[in-house]
Amino acid sequence: MTYQGTPAPGDAGAYPPQQGYALPQSAYPPPPGYPPQPGYMPQGYPPQPGYPPYGFQPGTAPTPPMLAIGFEYGGFWIREAARTLDISALYGLSLLLGITFVGIVLIPFLWIGYFPYFWSKGQTPGQRVCGLRLVRESDGMPIDAGAAIVRFIVVIAELLGLIVLVGLLGLIWPAFEARKRAWHDMAAGTLLMHAQLYGG
């Protein structure tokens, strides 16, 4: 049964929206004084440098487009500061362990495992002090152990390459690359971001 003014079956969409018909709420801009509704994106206002895009909540991972336009990457000097703190911590721990024979045996494992372990947890102690966090380039989530190991192997290759200056180029690459990635970041698919955007 059909009623007057109602489209017959198969004729859906034959009539334009009637007076009083409302589009989904997210299609309208919010009234003055009210926060934007979920799904509404203001038009004509691009994301500002250094600020997370609209809709981002601290402690959550951004989508790849957000990584490209709205987030601040860890630059060359802050990366080197974090690395210096981590290496200093490793030297200090090595001195403490070196007091005993067992400690001497453990030192190589400390140096080999330190960075991959903490990278897979999101940040090393040095990166934490410097306010940095390591994430996957593809989706902004924490990296896994495999990516951490790949990153570490390429770092070692870069350090060995310092002899012929090729490795130096890989280490200073963040100073010139748009997303501040070193060669080991490119190999492992990682990004070093400012940690406050992830809730610390």
N, C-alpha and C. Protein backbone atom coordinates (compact mmCIF):
# COMPACT_ATOMS: atom_id res chain seq x y z
N MET A 1 0.86 -1.20 0.00
CA MET A 1 0.00 0.00 0.00
C MET A 1 0.88 1.23 0.00
N THR A 2 0.52 2.19 -0.83
CA THR A 2 1.26 3.45 -0.87
C THR A 2 0.32 4.59 -0.51
N TYR A 3 0.89 5.66 -0.07
CA TYR A 3 0.11 6.83 0.34
C TYR A 3 0.43 7.98 -0.59
N GLN A 4 -0.48 8.88 -0.69
CA GLN A 4 -0.27 10.04 -1.55
C GLN A 4 0.93 10.83 -1.08
N GLY A 5 1.79 11.15 -2.03
CA GLY A 5 3.00 11.92 -1.67
C GLY A 5 4.16 11.04 -1.30
N THR A 6 3.95 9.71 -1.28
CA THR A 6 5.03 8.78 -0.94
C THR A 6 5.44 8.04 -2.20
N PRO A 7 6.75 7.98 -2.55
CA PRO A 7 7.18 7.28 -3.76
C PRO A 7 6.79 5.83 -3.70
N ALA A 8 6.38 5.28 -4.83
CA ALA A 8 6.05 3.86 -4.91
C ALA A 8 7.32 3.05 -4.82
N PRO A 9 7.21 1.76 -4.48
CA PRO A 9 8.41 0.90 -4.43
C PRO A 9 9.16 0.96 -5.75
N GLY A 10 10.46 1.09 -5.65
CA GLY A 10 11.28 1.18 -6.85
C GLY A 10 11.51 2.60 -7.30
N ASP A 11 10.76 3.56 -6.69
CA ASP A 11 10.91 4.96 -7.08
C ASP A 11 11.64 5.76 -6.02
N ALA A 12 12.40 5.06 -5.14
CA ALA A 12 13.11 5.76 -4.07
C ALA A 12 14.03 6.80 -4.66
N GLY A 13 14.01 7.94 -4.10
CA GLY A 13 14.87 9.00 -4.59
C GLY A 13 14.24 9.81 -5.70
N ALA A 14 12.98 9.48 -6.08
CA ALA A 14 12.33 10.21 -7.16
C ALA A 14 11.91 11.61 -6.74
N TYR A 15 11.77 11.80 -5.43
CA TYR A 15 11.34 13.10 -4.93
C TYR A 15 12.50 13.76 -4.19
N PRO A 16 12.63 15.07 -4.30
CA PRO A 16 13.67 15.75 -3.52
C PRO A 16 13.30 15.74 -2.05
N PRO A 17 14.26 15.98 -1.16
CA PRO A 17 13.96 16.02 0.28
C PRO A 17 12.86 17.02 0.58
N GLN A 18 11.88 16.65 1.41
CA GLN A 18 10.78 17.53 1.76
C GLN A 18 11.22 18.52 2.83
N GLN A 19 10.41 19.55 2.98
CA GLN A 19 10.70 20.56 3.99
C GLN A 19 10.78 19.90 5.37
N GLY A 20 11.83 20.24 6.09
CA GLY A 20 12.01 19.65 7.40
C GLY A 20 12.93 18.45 7.39
N TYR A 21 13.25 17.96 6.17
CA TYR A 21 14.17 16.82 6.09
C TYR A 21 15.59 17.30 6.36
N ALA A 22 16.32 16.60 7.23
CA ALA A 22 17.66 17.02 7.63
C ALA A 22 18.70 16.07 7.08
N LEU A 23 19.76 16.63 6.57
CA LEU A 23 20.91 15.82 6.19
C LEU A 23 21.58 15.31 7.45
N PRO A 24 22.46 14.31 7.34
CA PRO A 24 23.20 13.87 8.53
C PRO A 24 23.86 15.03 9.24
N GLN A 25 23.86 14.97 10.56
CA GLN A 25 24.34 16.10 11.36
C GLN A 25 25.77 16.48 11.02
N SER A 26 26.60 15.47 10.66
CA SER A 26 28.00 15.75 10.40
C SER A 26 28.21 16.59 9.16
N ALA A 27 27.15 16.76 8.31
CA ALA A 27 27.30 17.54 7.09
C ALA A 27 27.20 19.03 7.33
N TYR A 28 26.73 19.43 8.52
CA TYR A 28 26.53 20.84 8.81
C TYR A 28 27.65 21.37 9.71
N PRO A 29 28.05 22.61 9.52
CA PRO A 29 29.00 23.20 10.47
C PRO A 29 28.32 23.41 11.81
N PRO A 30 29.07 23.37 12.91
CA PRO A 30 28.46 23.53 14.23
C PRO A 30 28.01 24.97 14.45
N PRO A 31 26.95 25.17 15.25
CA PRO A 31 26.54 26.54 15.61
C PRO A 31 27.65 27.23 16.39
N PRO A 32 27.67 28.56 16.38
CA PRO A 32 28.70 29.29 17.15
C PRO A 32 28.69 28.88 18.61
N GLY A 33 29.86 28.62 19.14
CA GLY A 33 29.98 28.26 20.54
C GLY A 33 29.92 26.78 20.82
N TYR A 34 29.67 25.95 19.77
CA TYR A 34 29.59 24.52 19.95
C TYR A 34 30.79 23.85 19.26
N PRO A 35 31.29 22.75 19.84
CA PRO A 35 32.42 22.05 19.21
C PRO A 35 31.97 21.37 17.93
N PRO A 36 32.89 21.14 16.98
CA PRO A 36 32.54 20.44 15.74
C PRO A 36 32.02 19.03 16.03
N GLN A 37 31.08 18.57 15.20
CA GLN A 37 30.53 17.24 15.35
C GLN A 37 31.47 16.21 14.73
N PRO A 38 31.43 14.96 15.22
CA PRO A 38 32.29 13.91 14.64
C PRO A 38 32.05 13.78 13.14
N GLY A 39 33.09 13.76 12.39
CA GLY A 39 32.99 13.60 10.95
C GLY A 39 32.97 14.91 10.19
N TYR A 40 32.76 16.06 10.91
CA TYR A 40 32.74 17.34 10.21
C TYR A 40 34.15 17.90 10.12
N MET A 41 34.56 18.28 8.93
CA MET A 41 35.88 18.85 8.71
C MET A 41 35.71 20.27 8.17
N PRO A 42 36.13 21.29 8.89
CA PRO A 42 35.98 22.66 8.40
C PRO A 42 36.65 22.81 7.03
N GLN A 43 36.00 23.54 6.15
CA GLN A 43 36.52 23.73 4.80
C GLN A 43 37.38 24.98 4.73
N GLY A 44 38.47 24.87 3.97
CA GLY A 44 39.29 26.05 3.74
C GLY A 44 40.33 26.31 4.79
N TYR A 45 40.46 25.42 5.76
CA TYR A 45 41.44 25.62 6.82
C TYR A 45 42.41 24.44 6.85
N PRO A 46 43.55 24.54 6.20
CA PRO A 46 44.51 23.43 6.20
C PRO A 46 45.13 23.25 7.57
N PRO A 47 45.62 22.04 7.90
CA PRO A 47 46.29 21.82 9.20
C PRO A 47 47.48 22.75 9.37
N GLN A 48 47.64 23.26 10.56
CA GLN A 48 48.74 24.17 10.84
C GLN A 48 49.99 23.39 11.21
N PRO A 49 51.18 23.85 10.76
CA PRO A 49 52.42 23.13 11.09
C PRO A 49 52.62 23.01 12.59
N GLY A 50 53.01 21.82 13.02
CA GLY A 50 53.29 21.60 14.43
C GLY A 50 52.10 21.22 15.27
N TYR A 51 50.87 21.20 14.66
CA TYR A 51 49.67 20.84 15.40
C TYR A 51 49.06 19.58 14.81
N PRO A 52 48.50 18.71 15.65
CA PRO A 52 47.87 17.50 15.12
C PRO A 52 46.61 17.85 14.35
N PRO A 53 46.24 17.04 13.36
CA PRO A 53 45.04 17.32 12.58
C PRO A 53 43.77 17.21 13.42
N TYR A 54 42.67 17.76 12.87
CA TYR A 54 41.39 17.71 13.55
C TYR A 54 40.98 16.27 13.84
N GLY A 55 40.48 16.03 15.03
CA GLY A 55 39.98 14.71 15.39
C GLY A 55 40.99 13.83 16.09
N PHE A 56 42.27 14.27 16.20
CA PHE A 56 43.28 13.43 16.84
C PHE A 56 43.13 13.46 18.34
N GLN A 57 43.23 12.32 18.98
CA GLN A 57 43.18 12.20 20.43
C GLN A 57 44.53 11.70 20.94
N PRO A 58 45.13 12.35 21.97
CA PRO A 58 46.42 11.88 22.50
C PRO A 58 46.33 10.43 22.93
N GLY A 59 47.39 9.69 22.66
CA GLY A 59 47.44 8.29 23.02
C GLY A 59 46.96 7.37 21.91
N THR A 60 46.48 7.94 20.80
CA THR A 60 46.05 7.12 19.68
C THR A 60 46.97 7.34 18.51
N ALA A 61 47.04 6.37 17.62
CA ALA A 61 47.94 6.47 16.48
C ALA A 61 47.25 7.19 15.34
N PRO A 62 47.97 8.06 14.63
CA PRO A 62 47.39 8.76 13.49
C PRO A 62 47.31 7.87 12.27
N THR A 63 46.49 8.29 11.31
CA THR A 63 46.46 7.59 10.03
C THR A 63 47.61 8.09 9.18
N PRO A 64 48.03 7.34 8.17
CA PRO A 64 49.16 7.77 7.35
C PRO A 64 49.06 9.18 6.79
N PRO A 65 47.87 9.65 6.27
CA PRO A 65 47.84 11.04 5.81
C PRO A 65 48.15 12.04 6.90
N MET A 66 47.74 11.72 8.14
CA MET A 66 48.06 12.62 9.23
C MET A 66 49.56 12.69 9.48
N LEU A 67 50.20 11.54 9.32
CA LEU A 67 51.65 11.54 9.48
C LEU A 67 52.29 12.49 8.50
N ALA A 68 51.71 12.61 7.31
CA ALA A 68 52.33 13.41 6.27
C ALA A 68 52.10 14.90 6.45
N ILE A 69 50.96 15.31 7.06
CA ILE A 69 50.63 16.72 7.02
C ILE A 69 50.53 17.39 8.39
N GLY A 70 50.33 16.65 9.46
CA GLY A 70 50.00 17.33 10.69
C GLY A 70 50.90 17.06 11.87
N PHE A 71 51.94 16.27 11.72
CA PHE A 71 52.72 15.87 12.87
C PHE A 71 54.16 16.35 12.74
N GLU A 72 54.77 16.55 13.86
CA GLU A 72 56.13 17.08 13.87
C GLU A 72 57.12 15.93 14.02
N TYR A 73 58.04 15.84 13.09
CA TYR A 73 59.04 14.78 13.10
C TYR A 73 60.24 15.17 13.96
N GLY A 74 60.91 14.15 14.49
CA GLY A 74 62.13 14.39 15.25
C GLY A 74 63.28 14.73 14.32
N GLY A 75 63.80 15.93 14.42
CA GLY A 75 64.85 16.40 13.53
C GLY A 75 66.23 15.86 13.88
N PHE A 76 67.21 16.31 13.12
CA PHE A 76 68.57 15.77 13.23
C PHE A 76 69.15 15.98 14.62
N TRP A 77 69.10 17.20 15.14
CA TRP A 77 69.81 17.50 16.39
C TRP A 77 69.15 16.83 17.59
N ILE A 78 67.82 16.77 17.62
CA ILE A 78 67.16 16.12 18.75
C ILE A 78 67.40 14.61 18.70
N ARG A 79 67.50 14.05 17.49
CA ARG A 79 67.83 12.63 17.37
C ARG A 79 69.23 12.36 17.91
N GLU A 80 70.18 13.22 17.55
CA GLU A 80 71.56 13.02 18.00
C GLU A 80 71.68 13.20 19.51
N ALA A 81 70.90 14.11 20.08
CA ALA A 81 70.91 14.29 21.53
C ALA A 81 70.43 13.02 22.22
N ALA A 82 69.35 12.43 21.70
CA ALA A 82 68.84 11.18 22.27
C ALA A 82 69.85 10.06 22.13
N ARG A 83 70.51 9.99 20.97
CA ARG A 83 71.51 8.94 20.76
C ARG A 83 72.69 9.11 21.72
N THR A 84 73.11 10.35 21.94
CA THR A 84 74.22 10.61 22.86
C THR A 84 73.86 10.18 24.29
N LEU A 85 72.64 10.46 24.71
CA LEU A 85 72.21 10.05 26.04
C LEU A 85 72.19 8.52 26.17
N ASP A 86 71.71 7.84 25.13
CA ASP A 86 71.66 6.38 25.18
C ASP A 86 73.05 5.77 25.21
N ILE A 87 73.96 6.28 24.41
CA ILE A 87 75.32 5.74 24.38
C ILE A 87 76.03 6.01 25.70
N SER A 88 75.77 7.20 26.28
CA SER A 88 76.36 7.50 27.59
C SER A 88 75.83 6.53 28.65
N ALA A 89 74.55 6.22 28.58
CA ALA A 89 73.97 5.25 29.52
C ALA A 89 74.58 3.87 29.33
N LEU A 90 74.82 3.49 28.08
CA LEU A 90 75.44 2.19 27.81
C LEU A 90 76.86 2.13 28.36
N TYR A 91 77.62 3.20 28.19
CA TYR A 91 78.97 3.22 28.75
C TYR A 91 78.94 3.11 30.27
N GLY A 92 78.02 3.84 30.89
CA GLY A 92 77.92 3.77 32.34
C GLY A 92 77.56 2.38 32.83
N LEU A 93 76.60 1.74 32.17
CA LEU A 93 76.23 0.38 32.55
C LEU A 93 77.37 -0.59 32.32
N SER A 94 78.11 -0.39 31.24
CA SER A 94 79.24 -1.27 30.94
C SER A 94 80.31 -1.17 32.02
N LEU A 95 80.55 0.04 32.52
CA LEU A 95 81.53 0.21 33.59
C LEU A 95 81.08 -0.50 34.86
N LEU A 96 79.79 -0.42 35.16
CA LEU A 96 79.28 -1.10 36.35
C LEU A 96 79.37 -2.61 36.21
N LEU A 97 79.00 -3.11 35.03
CA LEU A 97 79.04 -4.56 34.81
C LEU A 97 80.47 -5.09 34.74
N GLY A 98 81.40 -4.24 34.30
CA GLY A 98 82.78 -4.67 34.12
C GLY A 98 83.52 -4.99 35.39
N ILE A 99 82.89 -4.69 36.52
CA ILE A 99 83.54 -4.97 37.79
C ILE A 99 83.69 -6.47 38.01
N THR A 100 82.74 -7.25 37.49
CA THR A 100 82.77 -8.70 37.69
C THR A 100 82.96 -9.42 36.36
N PHE A 101 83.40 -10.66 36.44
CA PHE A 101 83.61 -11.45 35.22
C PHE A 101 82.29 -11.69 34.50
N VAL A 102 81.23 -12.00 35.27
CA VAL A 102 79.91 -12.22 34.66
C VAL A 102 79.45 -10.96 33.94
N GLY A 103 79.73 -9.83 34.56
CA GLY A 103 79.35 -8.56 33.93
C GLY A 103 80.06 -8.35 32.62
N ILE A 104 81.34 -8.72 32.56
CA ILE A 104 82.10 -8.56 31.32
C ILE A 104 81.49 -9.41 30.21
N VAL A 105 81.04 -10.60 30.56
CA VAL A 105 80.40 -11.48 29.57
C VAL A 105 79.09 -10.88 29.08
N LEU A 106 78.38 -10.17 29.94
CA LEU A 106 77.08 -9.63 29.59
C LEU A 106 77.16 -8.34 28.77
N ILE A 107 78.29 -7.66 28.81
CA ILE A 107 78.40 -6.36 28.14
C ILE A 107 78.08 -6.43 26.65
N PRO A 108 78.61 -7.41 25.87
CA PRO A 108 78.26 -7.46 24.44
C PRO A 108 76.75 -7.62 24.21
N PHE A 109 76.09 -8.42 25.05
CA PHE A 109 74.65 -8.60 24.90
C PHE A 109 73.91 -7.30 25.23
N LEU A 110 74.44 -6.55 26.18
CA LEU A 110 73.85 -5.26 26.53
C LEU A 110 73.88 -4.32 25.33
N TRP A 111 75.03 -4.24 24.67
CA TRP A 111 75.17 -3.31 23.55
C TRP A 111 74.35 -3.77 22.34
N ILE A 112 74.25 -5.08 22.15
CA ILE A 112 73.50 -5.59 21.01
C ILE A 112 72.00 -5.48 21.23
N GLY A 113 71.56 -5.71 22.46
CA GLY A 113 70.12 -5.77 22.71
C GLY A 113 69.47 -4.48 23.14
N TYR A 114 70.27 -3.51 23.58
CA TYR A 114 69.72 -2.27 24.16
C TYR A 114 68.77 -1.56 23.19
N PHE A 115 69.26 -1.21 22.02
CA PHE A 115 68.45 -0.42 21.09
C PHE A 115 67.26 -1.20 20.53
N PRO A 116 67.46 -2.43 20.00
CA PRO A 116 66.28 -3.16 19.50
C PRO A 116 65.21 -3.36 20.57
N TYR A 117 65.62 -3.64 21.80
CA TYR A 117 64.64 -3.86 22.86
C TYR A 117 63.81 -2.60 23.11
N PHE A 118 64.47 -1.48 23.32
CA PHE A 118 63.73 -0.26 23.64
C PHE A 118 62.98 0.30 22.43
N TRP A 119 63.54 0.12 21.23
CA TRP A 119 62.80 0.56 20.04
C TRP A 119 61.48 -0.19 19.92
N SER A 120 61.51 -1.49 20.20
CA SER A 120 60.27 -2.28 20.10
C SER A 120 59.27 -1.88 21.18
N LYS A 121 59.73 -1.18 22.22
CA LYS A 121 58.84 -0.68 23.27
C LYS A 121 58.35 0.74 22.97
N GLY A 122 58.86 1.34 21.89
CA GLY A 122 58.38 2.66 21.50
C GLY A 122 59.41 3.76 21.62
N GLN A 123 60.33 3.66 22.56
CA GLN A 123 61.35 4.70 22.73
C GLN A 123 62.45 4.21 23.67
N THR A 124 63.67 4.64 23.40
CA THR A 124 64.78 4.37 24.31
C THR A 124 64.73 5.36 25.46
N PRO A 125 65.47 5.13 26.54
CA PRO A 125 65.51 6.14 27.61
C PRO A 125 65.94 7.51 27.10
N GLY A 126 66.93 7.54 26.19
CA GLY A 126 67.35 8.82 25.64
C GLY A 126 66.25 9.49 24.84
N GLN A 127 65.51 8.73 24.07
CA GLN A 127 64.41 9.28 23.29
C GLN A 127 63.30 9.78 24.21
N ARG A 128 63.09 9.08 25.31
CA ARG A 128 62.07 9.52 26.27
C ARG A 128 62.44 10.87 26.86
N VAL A 129 63.70 11.02 27.24
CA VAL A 129 64.16 12.30 27.81
C VAL A 129 63.99 13.42 26.79
N CYS A 130 64.24 13.12 25.52
CA CYS A 130 64.17 14.13 24.46
C CYS A 130 62.77 14.28 23.88
N GLY A 131 61.81 13.53 24.41
CA GLY A 131 60.44 13.67 23.94
C GLY A 131 60.18 13.11 22.57
N LEU A 132 60.78 11.95 22.26
CA LEU A 132 60.61 11.33 20.95
C LEU A 132 59.99 9.95 21.09
N ARG A 133 59.30 9.52 20.03
CA ARG A 133 58.73 8.18 20.01
C ARG A 133 58.90 7.59 18.62
N LEU A 134 59.25 6.31 18.57
CA LEU A 134 59.48 5.60 17.31
C LEU A 134 58.21 4.85 16.90
N VAL A 135 57.76 5.07 15.66
CA VAL A 135 56.51 4.45 15.20
C VAL A 135 56.70 3.90 13.79
N ARG A 136 55.75 3.06 13.38
CA ARG A 136 55.74 2.54 12.01
C ARG A 136 55.32 3.64 11.05
N GLU A 137 56.01 3.71 9.94
CA GLU A 137 55.68 4.70 8.92
C GLU A 137 54.32 4.45 8.29
N SER A 138 53.91 3.20 8.21
CA SER A 138 52.69 2.85 7.49
C SER A 138 51.43 3.28 8.21
N ASP A 139 51.41 3.20 9.55
CA ASP A 139 50.17 3.49 10.27
C ASP A 139 50.36 4.22 11.59
N GLY A 140 51.60 4.57 11.94
CA GLY A 140 51.82 5.31 13.17
C GLY A 140 51.78 4.49 14.44
N MET A 141 51.70 3.16 14.32
CA MET A 141 51.66 2.29 15.49
C MET A 141 53.07 1.91 15.92
N PRO A 142 53.25 1.38 17.15
CA PRO A 142 54.59 0.95 17.60
C PRO A 142 55.17 -0.11 16.67
N ILE A 143 56.48 -0.11 16.54
CA ILE A 143 57.14 -1.07 15.65
C ILE A 143 57.29 -2.41 16.37
N ASP A 144 57.48 -3.48 15.58
CA ASP A 144 57.67 -4.79 16.17
C ASP A 144 59.16 -5.12 16.27
N ALA A 145 59.46 -6.29 16.83
CA ALA A 145 60.86 -6.67 17.06
C ALA A 145 61.61 -6.82 15.73
N GLY A 146 60.93 -7.32 14.70
CA GLY A 146 61.59 -7.49 13.40
C GLY A 146 62.06 -6.18 12.83
N ALA A 147 61.21 -5.16 12.86
CA ALA A 147 61.60 -3.84 12.36
C ALA A 147 62.72 -3.24 13.20
N ALA A 148 62.68 -3.48 14.52
CA ALA A 148 63.74 -2.97 15.39
C ALA A 148 65.08 -3.59 15.05
N ILE A 149 65.09 -4.90 14.76
CA ILE A 149 66.34 -5.57 14.41
C ILE A 149 66.87 -5.07 13.08
N VAL A 150 65.98 -4.90 12.09
CA VAL A 150 66.40 -4.36 10.78
C VAL A 150 67.00 -2.98 10.96
N ARG A 151 66.36 -2.16 11.76
CA ARG A 151 66.85 -0.80 12.00
C ARG A 151 68.24 -0.84 12.63
N PHE A 152 68.42 -1.75 13.59
CA PHE A 152 69.71 -1.84 14.28
C PHE A 152 70.81 -2.31 13.33
N ILE A 153 70.51 -3.28 12.48
CA ILE A 153 71.51 -3.79 11.54
C ILE A 153 71.97 -2.69 10.59
N VAL A 154 71.01 -1.87 10.11
CA VAL A 154 71.39 -0.79 9.20
C VAL A 154 72.18 0.29 9.94
N VAL A 155 71.84 0.55 11.20
CA VAL A 155 72.64 1.49 12.00
C VAL A 155 74.08 1.02 12.11
N ILE A 156 74.28 -0.27 12.39
CA ILE A 156 75.63 -0.82 12.49
C ILE A 156 76.35 -0.68 11.15
N ALA A 157 75.64 -0.94 10.04
CA ALA A 157 76.24 -0.78 8.72
C ALA A 157 76.64 0.68 8.48
N GLU A 158 75.81 1.61 8.93
CA GLU A 158 76.14 3.03 8.78
C GLU A 158 77.37 3.39 9.59
N LEU A 159 77.46 2.87 10.81
CA LEU A 159 78.62 3.15 11.65
C LEU A 159 79.89 2.57 11.03
N LEU A 160 79.79 1.35 10.50
CA LEU A 160 80.95 0.76 9.83
C LEU A 160 81.29 1.55 8.57
N GLY A 161 80.29 2.10 7.92
CA GLY A 161 80.51 2.87 6.71
C GLY A 161 81.13 4.23 6.96
N LEU A 162 81.25 4.63 8.23
CA LEU A 162 81.90 5.91 8.53
C LEU A 162 83.34 5.93 8.02
N ILE A 163 83.92 4.74 7.90
CA ILE A 163 85.32 4.65 7.46
C ILE A 163 85.46 5.26 6.07
N VAL A 164 84.45 5.06 5.22
CA VAL A 164 84.52 5.59 3.86
C VAL A 164 83.50 6.73 3.66
N LEU A 165 82.99 7.26 4.75
CA LEU A 165 82.07 8.41 4.78
C LEU A 165 80.68 8.11 4.20
N VAL A 166 80.48 6.91 3.67
CA VAL A 166 79.15 6.57 3.15
C VAL A 166 78.15 6.48 4.30
N GLY A 167 78.56 5.85 5.38
CA GLY A 167 77.68 5.71 6.54
C GLY A 167 77.34 7.06 7.15
N LEU A 168 78.28 7.99 7.10
CA LEU A 168 78.01 9.33 7.63
C LEU A 168 76.83 9.96 6.89
N LEU A 169 76.78 9.76 5.58
CA LEU A 169 75.68 10.30 4.80
C LEU A 169 74.35 9.73 5.27
N GLY A 170 74.33 8.42 5.58
CA GLY A 170 73.10 7.81 6.06
C GLY A 170 72.66 8.37 7.41
N LEU A 171 73.63 8.68 8.28
CA LEU A 171 73.29 9.18 9.61
C LEU A 171 72.84 10.63 9.59
N ILE A 172 73.37 11.43 8.67
CA ILE A 172 72.98 12.84 8.63
C ILE A 172 71.81 13.08 7.68
N TRP A 173 71.30 12.02 7.06
CA TRP A 173 70.20 12.16 6.11
C TRP A 173 68.98 12.86 6.69
N PRO A 174 68.65 12.67 7.99
CA PRO A 174 67.47 13.37 8.54
C PRO A 174 67.55 14.88 8.44
N ALA A 175 68.76 15.43 8.33
CA ALA A 175 68.89 16.89 8.23
C ALA A 175 68.35 17.42 6.90
N PHE A 176 68.20 16.53 5.91
CA PHE A 176 67.80 16.97 4.57
C PHE A 176 66.49 16.35 4.10
N GLU A 177 66.07 15.24 4.69
CA GLU A 177 64.90 14.52 4.22
C GLU A 177 63.63 15.12 4.80
N ALA A 178 62.56 15.15 4.00
CA ALA A 178 61.34 15.86 4.39
C ALA A 178 60.75 15.34 5.69
N ARG A 179 60.77 14.03 5.90
CA ARG A 179 60.19 13.46 7.11
C ARG A 179 61.26 13.05 8.12
N LYS A 180 62.44 13.63 7.97
CA LYS A 180 63.54 13.48 8.94
C LYS A 180 63.93 12.02 9.15
N ARG A 181 63.93 11.24 8.08
CA ARG A 181 64.28 9.82 8.18
C ARG A 181 65.75 9.60 7.85
N ALA A 182 66.41 8.79 8.67
CA ALA A 182 67.75 8.30 8.34
C ALA A 182 67.60 7.07 7.45
N TRP A 183 68.72 6.58 6.93
CA TRP A 183 68.64 5.38 6.09
C TRP A 183 68.06 4.20 6.86
N HIS A 184 68.42 4.10 8.16
CA HIS A 184 67.88 2.98 8.92
C HIS A 184 66.37 3.10 9.12
N ASP A 185 65.83 4.32 9.12
CA ASP A 185 64.38 4.48 9.18
C ASP A 185 63.74 4.02 7.87
N MET A 186 64.36 4.38 6.76
CA MET A 186 63.82 3.97 5.47
C MET A 186 63.83 2.45 5.31
N ALA A 187 64.91 1.83 5.78
CA ALA A 187 65.02 0.37 5.66
C ALA A 187 64.00 -0.35 6.53
N ALA A 188 63.73 0.19 7.72
CA ALA A 188 62.83 -0.48 8.66
C ALA A 188 61.40 0.03 8.58
N GLY A 189 61.16 1.09 7.79
CA GLY A 189 59.81 1.64 7.70
C GLY A 189 59.37 2.33 8.97
N THR A 190 60.26 3.16 9.55
CA THR A 190 59.96 3.80 10.82
C THR A 190 60.04 5.31 10.71
N LEU A 191 59.40 5.98 11.66
CA LEU A 191 59.47 7.43 11.80
C LEU A 191 59.72 7.76 13.26
N LEU A 192 60.46 8.82 13.49
CA LEU A 192 60.70 9.30 14.85
C LEU A 192 59.88 10.57 15.03
N MET A 193 58.88 10.50 15.92
CA MET A 193 57.92 11.58 16.11
C MET A 193 58.09 12.22 17.48
N HIS A 194 57.53 13.41 17.63
CA HIS A 194 57.49 14.03 18.95
C HIS A 194 56.44 13.34 19.81
N ALA A 195 56.85 12.89 20.97
CA ALA A 195 56.05 11.95 21.75
C ALA A 195 54.81 12.56 22.37
N GLN A 196 54.75 13.89 22.57
CA GLN A 196 53.58 14.45 23.23
C GLN A 196 52.31 14.24 22.41
N LEU A 197 52.44 14.04 21.10
CA LEU A 197 51.29 13.78 20.26
C LEU A 197 50.73 12.38 20.50
N TYR A 198 51.49 11.53 21.18
CA TYR A 198 51.06 10.16 21.47
C TYR A 198 50.74 10.01 22.96
N GLY A 199 50.62 11.10 23.66
CA GLY A 199 50.29 11.03 25.08
C GLY A 199 51.52 10.84 25.95
N GLY A 200 52.74 11.17 25.44
CA GLY A 200 53.96 11.12 26.25
C GLY A 200 54.91 10.06 25.80
